[in-house]
PDB file of N, CA and C in Angstrom:
ATOM      1  N   MET A   1     170.797 135.691  84.524  1.00  0.00           N
ATOM      2  CA  MET A   1     171.211 134.538  85.292  1.00  0.00           C
ATOM      3  C   MET A   1     170.187 133.422  85.125  1.00  0.00           C
ATOM      4  N   ILE A   2     170.666 132.190  85.014  1.00  0.00           N
ATOM      5  CA  ILE A   2     169.789 131.045  84.814  1.00  0.00           C
ATOM      6  C   ILE A   2     169.312 130.532  86.165  1.00  0.00           C
ATOM      7  N   ALA A   3     168.019 130.273  86.255  1.00  0.00           N
ATOM      8  CA  ALA A   3     167.446 129.748  87.500  1.00  0.00           C
ATOM      9  C   ALA A   3     167.825 128.282  87.657  1.00  0.00           C
ATOM     10  N   PRO A   4     168.055 127.823  88.884  1.00  0.00           N
ATOM     11  CA  PRO A   4     168.405 126.416  89.075  1.00  0.00           C
ATOM     12  C   PRO A   4     167.247 125.498  88.697  1.00  0.00           C
ATOM     13  N   SER A   5     167.590 124.356  88.161  1.00  0.00           N
ATOM     14  CA  SER A   5     166.576 123.396  87.735  1.00  0.00           C
ATOM     15  C   SER A   5     165.901 122.767  88.941  1.00  0.00           C
ATOM     16  N   SER A   6     164.604 122.503  88.826  1.00  0.00           N
ATOM     17  CA  SER A   6     163.882 121.871  89.934  1.00  0.00           C
ATOM     18  C   SER A   6     164.307 120.412  90.102  1.00  0.00           C
ATOM     19  N   ALA A   7     164.872 119.833  89.059  1.00  0.00           N
ATOM     20  CA  ALA A   7     165.324 118.440  89.152  1.00  0.00           C
ATOM     21  C   ALA A   7     166.499 118.307  90.118  1.00  0.00           C
ATOM     22  N   PHE A   8     167.259 119.385  90.266  1.00  0.00           N
ATOM     23  CA  PHE A   8     168.409 119.350  91.147  1.00  0.00           C
ATOM     24  C   PHE A   8     168.131 120.023  92.485  1.00  0.00           C
ATOM     25  N   ALA A   9     166.911 120.439  92.691  1.00  0.00           N
ATOM     26  CA  ALA A   9     166.567 121.097  93.943  1.00  0.00           C
ATOM     27  C   ALA A   9     166.629 120.095  95.087  1.00  0.00           C
ATOM     28  N   ARG A  10     167.067 120.564  96.232  1.00  0.00           N
ATOM     29  CA  ARG A  10     167.176 119.695  97.399  1.00  0.00           C
ATOM     30  C   ARG A  10     165.789 119.475  98.002  1.00  0.00           C
ATOM     31  N   PRO A  11     165.392 118.223  98.204  1.00  0.00           N
ATOM     32  CA  PRO A  11     164.063 117.980  98.759  1.00  0.00           C
ATOM     33  C   PRO A  11     163.996 118.413 100.219  1.00  0.00           C
ATOM     34  N   ASN A  12     162.802 118.702 100.652  1.00  0.00           N
ATOM     35  CA  ASN A  12     162.589 119.086 102.041  1.00  0.00           C
ATOM     36  C   ASN A  12     162.832 117.866 102.919  1.00  0.00           C
ATOM     37  N   ALA A  13     163.743 117.975 103.870  1.00  0.00           N
ATOM     38  CA  ALA A  13     164.132 116.827 104.697  1.00  0.00           C
ATOM     39  C   ALA A  13     162.969 116.309 105.534  1.00  0.00           C
ATOM     40  N   GLU A  14     162.068 117.179 105.915  1.00  0.00           N
ATOM     41  CA  GLU A  14     160.939 116.748 106.739  1.00  0.00           C
ATOM     42  C   GLU A  14     159.903 115.984 105.932  1.00  0.00           C
ATOM     43  N   SER A  15     159.712 116.348 104.688  1.00  0.00           N
ATOM     44  CA  SER A  15     158.660 115.719 103.886  1.00  0.00           C
ATOM     45  C   SER A  15     159.103 114.409 103.243  1.00  0.00           C
ATOM     46  N   SER A  16     160.389 114.274 102.924  1.00  0.00           N
ATOM     47  CA  SER A  16     160.834 113.055 102.257  1.00  0.00           C
ATOM     48  C   SER A  16     162.178 112.593 102.824  1.00  0.00           C
ATOM     49  N   PRO A  17     162.156 111.950 103.973  1.00  0.00           N
ATOM     50  CA  PRO A  17     163.436 111.469 104.524  1.00  0.00           C
ATOM     51  C   PRO A  17     163.993 110.324 103.680  1.00  0.00           C
ATOM     52  N   ILE A  18     165.296 110.320 103.511  1.00  0.00           N
ATOM     53  CA  ILE A  18     165.938 109.260 102.739  1.00  0.00           C
ATOM     54  C   ILE A  18     165.964 107.972 103.557  1.00  0.00           C
ATOM     55  N   TRP A  19     166.292 108.088 104.823  1.00  0.00           N
ATOM     56  CA  TRP A  19     166.376 106.908 105.687  1.00  0.00           C
ATOM     57  C   TRP A  19     166.142 107.328 107.116  1.00  0.00           C
ATOM     58  N   THR A  20     165.387 106.524 107.804  1.00  0.00           N
ATOM     59  CA  THR A  20     165.214 106.764 109.239  1.00  0.00           C
ATOM     60  C   THR A  20     165.555 105.482 109.970  1.00  0.00           C
ATOM     61  N   PRO A  21     166.118 105.563 111.152  1.00  0.00           N
ATOM     62  CA  PRO A  21     166.510 104.356 111.882  1.00  0.00           C
ATOM     63  C   PRO A  21     165.355 103.393 112.121  1.00  0.00           C
ATOM     64  N   ALA A  22     164.133 103.888 112.238  1.00  0.00           N
ATOM     65  CA  ALA A  22     162.990 103.020 112.519  1.00  0.00           C
ATOM     66  C   ALA A  22     162.692 102.083 111.351  1.00  0.00           C
ATOM     67  N   GLU A  23     163.107 102.463 110.127  1.00  0.00           N
ATOM     68  CA  GLU A  23     162.826 101.640 108.953  1.00  0.00           C
ATOM     69  C   GLU A  23     163.756 100.433 108.856  1.00  0.00           C
ATOM     70  N   ASN A  24     164.895 100.494 109.478  1.00  0.00           N
ATOM     71  CA  ASN A  24     165.889  99.426 109.366  1.00  0.00           C
ATOM     72  C   ASN A  24     165.643  98.403 110.480  1.00  0.00           C
ATOM     73  N   THR A  25     165.204  97.209 110.098  1.00  0.00           N
ATOM     74  CA  THR A  25     164.925  96.180 111.094  1.00  0.00           C
ATOM     75  C   THR A  25     166.184  95.378 111.394  1.00  0.00           C
ATOM     76  N   ASP A  26     166.117  94.573 112.448  1.00  0.00           N
ATOM     77  CA  ASP A  26     167.259  93.728 112.802  1.00  0.00           C
ATOM     78  C   ASP A  26     167.562  92.730 111.689  1.00  0.00           C
ATOM     79  N   ALA A  27     166.536  92.176 111.068  1.00  0.00           N
ATOM     80  CA  ALA A  27     166.752  91.208 109.981  1.00  0.00           C
ATOM     81  C   ALA A  27     167.473  91.868 108.805  1.00  0.00           C
ATOM     82  N   GLU A  28     167.094  93.101 108.488  1.00  0.00           N
ATOM     83  CA  GLU A  28     167.767  93.809 107.403  1.00  0.00           C
ATOM     84  C   GLU A  28     169.214  94.102 107.764  1.00  0.00           C
ATOM     85  N   ALA A  29     169.442  94.452 109.014  1.00  0.00           N
ATOM     86  CA  ALA A  29     170.802  94.748 109.456  1.00  0.00           C
ATOM     87  C   ALA A  29     171.687  93.506 109.353  1.00  0.00           C
ATOM     88  N   VAL A  30     171.145  92.352 109.746  1.00  0.00           N
ATOM     89  CA  VAL A  30     171.905  91.106 109.651  1.00  0.00           C
ATOM     90  C   VAL A  30     172.164  90.758 108.197  1.00  0.00           C
ATOM     91  N   ALA A  31     171.150  90.930 107.345  1.00  0.00           N
ATOM     92  CA  ALA A  31     171.319  90.638 105.921  1.00  0.00           C
ATOM     93  C   ALA A  31     172.365  91.561 105.301  1.00  0.00           C
ATOM     94  N   ASN A  32     172.331  92.833 105.670  1.00  0.00           N
ATOM     95  CA  ASN A  32     173.315  93.778 105.136  1.00  0.00           C
ATOM     96  C   ASN A  32     174.725  93.432 105.606  1.00  0.00           C
ATOM     97  N   ALA A  33     174.862  93.090 106.869  1.00  0.00           N
ATOM     98  CA  ALA A  33     176.181  92.735 107.398  1.00  0.00           C
ATOM     99  C   ALA A  33     176.708  91.479 106.724  1.00  0.00           C
ATOM    100  N   SER A  34     175.817  90.520 106.482  1.00  0.00           N
ATOM    101  CA  SER A  34     176.224  89.287 105.814  1.00  0.00           C
ATOM    102  C   SER A  34     176.668  89.563 104.379  1.00  0.00           C
ATOM    103  N   ALA A  35     175.930  90.407 103.686  1.00  0.00           N
ATOM    104  CA  ALA A  35     176.293  90.746 102.305  1.00  0.00           C
ATOM    105  C   ALA A  35     177.624  91.485 102.255  1.00  0.00           C
ATOM    106  N   ILE A  36     177.836  92.379 103.203  1.00  0.00           N
ATOM    107  CA  ILE A  36     179.101  93.123 103.242  1.00  0.00           C
ATOM    108  C   ILE A  36     180.271  92.183 103.517  1.00  0.00           C
ATOM    109  N   ALA A  37     180.076  91.251 104.443  1.00  0.00           N
ATOM    110  CA  ALA A  37     181.142  90.292 104.759  1.00  0.00           C
ATOM    111  C   ALA A  37     181.460  89.427 103.540  1.00  0.00           C
ATOM    112  N   GLU A  38     180.430  89.014 102.819  1.00  0.00           N
ATOM    113  CA  GLU A  38     180.642  88.191 101.628  1.00  0.00           C
ATOM    114  C   GLU A  38     181.405  88.970 100.558  1.00  0.00           C
ATOM    115  N   LEU A  39     181.059  90.228 100.369  1.00  0.00           N
ATOM    116  CA  LEU A  39     181.770  91.052  99.401  1.00  0.00           C
ATOM    117  C   LEU A  39     183.223  91.264  99.796  1.00  0.00           C
ATOM    118  N   ARG A  40     183.478  91.433 101.089  1.00  0.00           N
ATOM    119  CA  ARG A  40     184.863  91.604 101.550  1.00  0.00           C
ATOM    120  C   ARG A  40     185.698  90.372 101.229  1.00  0.00           C
ATOM    121  N   VAL A  41     185.114  89.189 101.428  1.00  0.00           N
ATOM    122  CA  VAL A  41     185.835  87.948 101.130  1.00  0.00           C
ATOM    123  C   VAL A  41     186.129  87.861  99.637  1.00  0.00           C
ATOM    124  N   LYS A  42     185.136  88.174  98.810  1.00  0.00           N
ATOM    125  CA  LYS A  42     185.333  88.101  97.356  1.00  0.00           C
ATOM    126  C   LYS A  42     186.409  89.071  96.890  1.00  0.00           C
ATOM    127  N   VAL A  43     186.362  90.289  97.407  1.00  0.00           N
ATOM    128  CA  VAL A  43     187.352  91.298  97.009  1.00  0.00           C
ATOM    129  C   VAL A  43     188.743  90.883  97.455  1.00  0.00           C
ATOM    130  N   THR A  44     188.852  90.353  98.660  1.00  0.00           N
ATOM    131  CA  THR A  44     190.152  89.918  99.167  1.00  0.00           C
ATOM    132  C   THR A  44     190.726  88.811  98.295  1.00  0.00           C
ATOM    133  N   LEU A  45     189.893  87.837  97.934  1.00  0.00           N
ATOM    134  CA  LEU A  45     190.364  86.740  97.085  1.00  0.00           C
ATOM    135  C   LEU A  45     190.778  87.244  95.709  1.00  0.00           C
ATOM    136  N   GLU A  46     190.009  88.170  95.151  1.00  0.00           N
ATOM    137  CA  GLU A  46     190.359  88.716  93.842  1.00  0.00           C
ATOM    138  C   GLU A  46     191.669  89.498  93.911  1.00  0.00           C
ATOM    139  N   LEU A  47     191.857  90.264  94.974  1.00  0.00           N
ATOM    140  CA  LEU A  47     193.107  91.026  95.106  1.00  0.00           C
ATOM    141  C   LEU A  47     194.299  90.097  95.267  1.00  0.00           C
ATOM    142  N   ARG A  48     194.128  89.006  96.006  1.00  0.00           N
ATOM    143  CA  ARG A  48     195.224  88.039  96.140  1.00  0.00           C
ATOM    144  C   ARG A  48     195.575  87.436  94.789  1.00  0.00           C
ATOM    145  N   PHE A  49     194.552  87.095  94.004  1.00  0.00           N
ATOM    146  CA  PHE A  49     194.777  86.515  92.680  1.00  0.00           C
ATOM    147  C   PHE A  49     195.513  87.504  91.781  1.00  0.00           C
ATOM    148  N   ILE A  50     195.052  88.753  91.780  1.00  0.00           N
ATOM    149  CA  ILE A  50     195.695  89.773  90.952  1.00  0.00           C
ATOM    150  C   ILE A  50     197.135  89.994  91.402  1.00  0.00           C
ATOM    151  N   THR A  51     197.381  89.977  92.691  1.00  0.00           N
ATOM    152  CA  THR A  51     198.736  90.157  93.215  1.00  0.00           C
ATOM    153  C   THR A  51     199.646  89.027  92.770  1.00  0.00           C
ATOM    154  N   LYS A  52     199.132  87.797  92.819  1.00  0.00           N
ATOM    155  CA  LYS A  52     199.945  86.652  92.378  1.00  0.00           C
ATOM    156  C   LYS A  52     200.289  86.763  90.898  1.00  0.00           C
ATOM    157  N   ILE A  53     199.331  87.152  90.088  1.00  0.00           N
ATOM    158  CA  ILE A  53     199.584  87.311  88.649  1.00  0.00           C
ATOM    159  C   ILE A  53     200.647  88.387  88.417  1.00  0.00           C
ATOM    160  N   LEU A  54     200.509  89.515  89.113  1.00  0.00           N
ATOM    161  CA  LEU A  54     201.491  90.591  88.938  1.00  0.00           C
ATOM    162  C   LEU A  54     202.882  90.163  89.381  1.00  0.00           C
ATOM    163  N   LEU A  55     202.959  89.430  90.485  1.00  0.00           N
ATOM    164  CA  LEU A  55     204.272  88.955  90.940  1.00  0.00           C
ATOM    165  C   LEU A  55     204.877  87.965  89.949  1.00  0.00           C
ATOM    166  N   LEU A  56     204.031  87.112  89.369  1.00  0.00           N
ATOM    167  CA  LEU A  56     204.531  86.185  88.356  1.00  0.00           C
ATOM    168  C   LEU A  56     205.042  86.934  87.125  1.00  0.00           C
ATOM    169  N   LEU A  57     204.307  87.947  86.712  1.00  0.00           N
ATOM    170  CA  LEU A  57     204.735  88.722  85.548  1.00  0.00           C
ATOM    171  C   LEU A  57     206.025  89.471  85.829  1.00  0.00           C
ATOM    172  N   LEU A  58     206.158  90.011  87.016  1.00  0.00           N
ATOM    173  CA  LEU A  58     207.398  90.702  87.370  1.00  0.00           C
ATOM    174  C   LEU A  58     208.572  89.723  87.440  1.00  0.00           C
ATOM    175  N   GLY A  59     208.322  88.526  87.938  1.00  0.00           N
ATOM    176  CA  GLY A  59     209.365  87.512  88.007  1.00  0.00           C
ATOM    177  C   GLY A  59     209.811  87.078  86.630  1.00  0.00           C
ATOM    178  N   MET A  60     208.871  86.973  85.702  1.00  0.00           N
ATOM    179  CA  MET A  60     209.212  86.574  84.332  1.00  0.00           C
ATOM    180  C   MET A  60     209.997  87.680  83.637  1.00  0.00           C
ATOM    181  N   ARG A  61     209.721  88.916  83.996  1.00  0.00           N
ATOM    182  CA  ARG A  61     210.402  90.045  83.367  1.00  0.00           C
ATOM    183  C   ARG A  61     211.871  90.092  83.765  1.00  0.00           C
ATOM    184  N   ARG A  62     212.196  89.651  84.983  1.00  0.00           N
ATOM    185  CA  ARG A  62     213.583  89.690  85.457  1.00  0.00           C
ATOM    186  C   ARG A  62     214.465  88.677  84.743  1.00  0.00           C
ATOM    187  N   CYS A  63     213.886  87.594  84.308  1.00  0.00           N
ATOM    188  CA  CYS A  63     214.695  86.531  83.686  1.00  0.00           C
ATOM    189  C   CYS A  63     215.208  86.925  82.325  1.00  0.00           C
TER     190      CYS A  63
END
């Protein structure tokens, strides 16, 4: 049997936490929320554009 690689070993949660609430400041939280809101707007606009193109293509196909 092959031993598991140390590269894929799960780190000890006590020695190396990925994230703790104390590390996230209010300024970071506001910046993250702002970035998320901006991405939502961009995605929404892109989806509307893609939808319009698809509807135009479907309309042209019917003719």
